[in-house]
Amino acid sequence: MVAALDALANVPPSADREAVREEYLRRVTAEFTGHQVNDLTWTTAHGDLHQGNITRGPHILGWEGWGSTPYGYARWLP
């Protein structure tokens, strides 16, 4: 699973597909932490990865939300 997510992250981010909007991320980060987001590295990610989108094999389902995300967005998975 980690290898598949790393391979996806190596795909250049798409300008017309956003899994997380930069404006939203900057606003909520400042609102909830009191800190501004300065530099972000963008990569490509699934966008909605959770147990309901992973099958045995494993296979990843639910690709309608894929797109650009900040680096590390989906790295919380084991």
N, C-alpha and C. Protein backbone atom coordinates (compact mmCIF):
# COMPACT_ATOMS: atom_id res chain seq x y z
N MET A 1 0.83 -1.19 0.00
CA MET A 1 0.00 0.00 0.00
C MET A 1 0.87 1.25 0.00
N VAL A 2 1.89 1.27 0.84
CA VAL A 2 2.78 2.43 0.89
C VAL A 2 3.47 2.63 -0.45
N ALA A 3 3.90 1.55 -1.08
CA ALA A 3 4.56 1.66 -2.39
C ALA A 3 3.60 2.24 -3.43
N ALA A 4 2.34 1.83 -3.40
CA ALA A 4 1.35 2.36 -4.34
C ALA A 4 1.11 3.84 -4.11
N LEU A 5 1.01 4.25 -2.85
CA LEU A 5 0.80 5.67 -2.54
C LEU A 5 2.03 6.50 -2.91
N ASP A 6 3.22 5.94 -2.71
CA ASP A 6 4.44 6.64 -3.11
C ASP A 6 4.52 6.80 -4.63
N ALA A 7 4.12 5.76 -5.36
CA ALA A 7 4.11 5.84 -6.83
C ALA A 7 3.13 6.91 -7.29
N LEU A 8 1.97 6.96 -6.67
CA LEU A 8 0.97 7.98 -7.01
C LEU A 8 1.51 9.38 -6.70
N ALA A 9 2.20 9.52 -5.58
CA ALA A 9 2.75 10.82 -5.19
C ALA A 9 3.80 11.31 -6.18
N ASN A 10 4.43 10.39 -6.92
CA ASN A 10 5.44 10.77 -7.91
C ASN A 10 4.84 11.23 -9.23
N VAL A 11 3.52 11.11 -9.39
CA VAL A 11 2.85 11.63 -10.59
C VAL A 11 2.76 13.15 -10.43
N PRO A 12 3.19 13.92 -11.42
CA PRO A 12 3.13 15.38 -11.29
C PRO A 12 1.70 15.84 -10.97
N PRO A 13 1.56 16.79 -10.03
CA PRO A 13 0.22 17.28 -9.67
C PRO A 13 -0.49 17.88 -10.87
N SER A 14 -1.77 17.65 -10.93
CA SER A 14 -2.60 18.17 -12.01
C SER A 14 -3.10 19.56 -11.66
N ALA A 15 -3.04 20.47 -12.61
CA ALA A 15 -3.51 21.83 -12.38
C ALA A 15 -5.03 21.91 -12.30
N ASP A 16 -5.73 20.93 -12.88
CA ASP A 16 -7.19 21.00 -12.90
C ASP A 16 -7.86 19.99 -11.96
N ARG A 17 -7.10 19.31 -11.12
CA ARG A 17 -7.67 18.37 -10.14
C ARG A 17 -7.09 18.66 -8.77
N GLU A 18 -7.94 19.11 -7.86
CA GLU A 18 -7.51 19.41 -6.50
C GLU A 18 -8.26 18.52 -5.53
N ALA A 19 -7.56 17.75 -4.73
CA ALA A 19 -8.20 17.01 -3.65
C ALA A 19 -8.37 17.92 -2.44
N VAL A 20 -7.47 18.86 -2.28
CA VAL A 20 -7.52 19.86 -1.20
C VAL A 20 -7.18 21.21 -1.82
N ARG A 21 -8.09 22.18 -1.64
CA ARG A 21 -7.83 23.52 -2.18
C ARG A 21 -6.82 24.26 -1.31
N GLU A 22 -5.86 24.89 -1.95
CA GLU A 22 -4.81 25.61 -1.22
C GLU A 22 -5.39 26.74 -0.37
N GLU A 23 -6.36 27.47 -0.89
CA GLU A 23 -6.96 28.57 -0.14
C GLU A 23 -7.60 28.06 1.15
N TYR A 24 -8.31 26.94 1.05
CA TYR A 24 -8.96 26.35 2.23
C TYR A 24 -7.91 25.92 3.25
N LEU A 25 -6.88 25.23 2.79
CA LEU A 25 -5.83 24.74 3.68
C LEU A 25 -5.16 25.89 4.43
N ARG A 26 -4.85 26.95 3.71
CA ARG A 26 -4.19 28.10 4.35
C ARG A 26 -5.12 28.75 5.38
N ARG A 27 -6.40 28.87 5.06
CA ARG A 27 -7.36 29.51 5.97
C ARG A 27 -7.56 28.70 7.24
N VAL A 28 -7.83 27.41 7.11
CA VAL A 28 -8.13 26.60 8.30
C VAL A 28 -6.88 26.36 9.15
N THR A 29 -5.71 26.28 8.53
CA THR A 29 -4.49 26.11 9.31
C THR A 29 -4.28 27.32 10.21
N ALA A 30 -4.42 28.50 9.66
CA ALA A 30 -4.27 29.72 10.45
C ALA A 30 -5.36 29.82 11.52
N GLU A 31 -6.58 29.45 11.15
CA GLU A 31 -7.70 29.54 12.08
C GLU A 31 -7.54 28.61 13.28
N PHE A 32 -7.11 27.38 13.04
CA PHE A 32 -7.05 26.39 14.11
C PHE A 32 -5.71 26.33 14.84
N THR A 33 -4.63 26.77 14.20
CA THR A 33 -3.32 26.68 14.86
C THR A 33 -2.72 28.04 15.18
N GLY A 34 -3.22 29.09 14.54
CA GLY A 34 -2.65 30.40 14.73
C GLY A 34 -1.37 30.63 13.93
N HIS A 35 -1.01 29.68 13.08
CA HIS A 35 0.20 29.77 12.27
C HIS A 35 -0.15 29.85 10.79
N GLN A 36 0.64 30.61 10.05
CA GLN A 36 0.46 30.70 8.61
C GLN A 36 1.22 29.57 7.92
N VAL A 37 0.66 29.10 6.82
CA VAL A 37 1.35 28.12 5.99
C VAL A 37 2.17 28.90 4.97
N ASN A 38 3.47 28.72 4.99
CA ASN A 38 4.33 29.45 4.06
C ASN A 38 4.54 28.68 2.77
N ASP A 39 5.40 27.71 2.79
CA ASP A 39 5.72 26.95 1.59
C ASP A 39 5.10 25.57 1.66
N LEU A 40 4.46 25.18 0.58
CA LEU A 40 3.87 23.85 0.48
C LEU A 40 4.45 23.13 -0.72
N THR A 41 4.71 21.86 -0.56
CA THR A 41 5.09 21.02 -1.68
C THR A 41 3.86 20.23 -2.07
N TRP A 42 3.44 20.35 -3.32
CA TRP A 42 2.23 19.68 -3.78
C TRP A 42 2.58 18.39 -4.51
N THR A 43 1.74 17.40 -4.34
CA THR A 43 1.92 16.10 -4.96
C THR A 43 0.54 15.56 -5.32
N THR A 44 0.48 14.37 -5.87
CA THR A 44 -0.79 13.76 -6.25
C THR A 44 -1.16 12.70 -5.23
N ALA A 45 -2.44 12.65 -4.86
CA ALA A 45 -2.91 11.68 -3.87
C ALA A 45 -4.33 11.24 -4.19
N HIS A 46 -4.77 10.20 -3.54
CA HIS A 46 -6.11 9.65 -3.70
C HIS A 46 -7.17 10.68 -3.31
N GLY A 47 -7.00 11.32 -2.18
CA GLY A 47 -7.90 12.38 -1.75
C GLY A 47 -8.98 11.94 -0.78
N ASP A 48 -9.31 10.65 -0.73
CA ASP A 48 -10.36 10.16 0.17
C ASP A 48 -10.04 8.74 0.62
N LEU A 49 -8.82 8.53 1.05
CA LEU A 49 -8.38 7.19 1.39
C LEU A 49 -8.79 6.83 2.82
N HIS A 50 -9.57 5.79 2.95
CA HIS A 50 -9.99 5.26 4.25
C HIS A 50 -10.29 3.78 4.07
N GLN A 51 -10.59 3.07 5.15
CA GLN A 51 -10.78 1.63 5.08
C GLN A 51 -11.89 1.21 4.12
N GLY A 52 -12.90 2.04 3.94
CA GLY A 52 -13.98 1.72 3.03
C GLY A 52 -13.56 1.73 1.57
N ASN A 53 -12.42 2.35 1.26
CA ASN A 53 -11.92 2.41 -0.11
C ASN A 53 -10.76 1.46 -0.36
N ILE A 54 -10.50 0.56 0.58
CA ILE A 54 -9.41 -0.41 0.43
C ILE A 54 -9.98 -1.82 0.52
N THR A 55 -9.68 -2.65 -0.48
CA THR A 55 -10.16 -4.02 -0.48
C THR A 55 -8.99 -4.98 -0.28
N ARG A 56 -9.31 -6.26 -0.20
CA ARG A 56 -8.23 -7.25 -0.09
C ARG A 56 -7.42 -7.23 -1.37
N GLY A 57 -6.19 -7.47 -1.23
CA GLY A 57 -5.30 -7.49 -2.40
C GLY A 57 -4.04 -6.69 -2.18
N PRO A 58 -3.99 -5.50 -1.66
CA PRO A 58 -5.12 -4.58 -1.53
C PRO A 58 -5.36 -3.82 -2.83
N HIS A 59 -6.59 -3.45 -3.04
CA HIS A 59 -6.96 -2.62 -4.18
C HIS A 59 -7.57 -1.34 -3.63
N ILE A 60 -7.30 -0.23 -4.29
CA ILE A 60 -7.81 1.06 -3.84
C ILE A 60 -8.99 1.45 -4.72
N LEU A 61 -10.13 1.73 -4.09
CA LEU A 61 -11.36 2.13 -4.78
C LEU A 61 -11.63 3.62 -4.53
N GLY A 62 -12.66 4.15 -5.18
CA GLY A 62 -13.14 5.50 -4.90
C GLY A 62 -12.23 6.61 -5.39
N TRP A 63 -11.92 6.61 -6.67
CA TRP A 63 -10.95 7.56 -7.22
C TRP A 63 -11.56 8.89 -7.63
N GLU A 64 -12.82 9.15 -7.34
CA GLU A 64 -13.44 10.39 -7.81
C GLU A 64 -12.83 11.64 -7.15
N GLY A 65 -12.15 11.50 -6.01
CA GLY A 65 -11.60 12.66 -5.32
C GLY A 65 -10.10 12.85 -5.45
N TRP A 66 -9.46 12.13 -6.40
CA TRP A 66 -8.00 12.23 -6.51
C TRP A 66 -7.60 13.60 -7.03
N GLY A 67 -6.37 14.00 -6.73
CA GLY A 67 -5.86 15.26 -7.24
C GLY A 67 -4.67 15.75 -6.44
N SER A 68 -4.41 17.04 -6.54
CA SER A 68 -3.27 17.65 -5.86
C SER A 68 -3.55 17.79 -4.37
N THR A 69 -2.55 17.44 -3.57
CA THR A 69 -2.61 17.58 -2.12
C THR A 69 -1.24 18.01 -1.62
N PRO A 70 -1.17 18.55 -0.42
CA PRO A 70 0.14 18.83 0.16
C PRO A 70 0.90 17.53 0.38
N TYR A 71 2.21 17.58 0.26
CA TYR A 71 3.05 16.41 0.48
C TYR A 71 2.76 15.81 1.85
N GLY A 72 2.59 14.50 1.91
CA GLY A 72 2.34 13.81 3.17
C GLY A 72 0.88 13.68 3.53
N TYR A 73 -0.03 14.18 2.70
CA TYR A 73 -1.46 14.18 3.00
C TYR A 73 -1.99 12.79 3.33
N ALA A 74 -1.56 11.77 2.61
CA ALA A 74 -2.09 10.41 2.82
C ALA A 74 -1.09 9.50 3.53
N ARG A 75 -0.04 10.03 4.10
CA ARG A 75 0.99 9.19 4.70
C ARG A 75 0.66 8.73 6.11
N TRP A 76 -0.49 9.07 6.64
CA TRP A 76 -0.86 8.63 7.99
C TRP A 76 -1.25 7.17 8.02
N LEU A 77 -1.48 6.56 6.87
CA LEU A 77 -1.89 5.15 6.84
C LEU A 77 -0.72 4.24 7.17
N PRO A 78 -1.01 3.11 7.80
CA PRO A 78 0.07 2.15 8.12
C PRO A 78 0.65 1.52 6.88
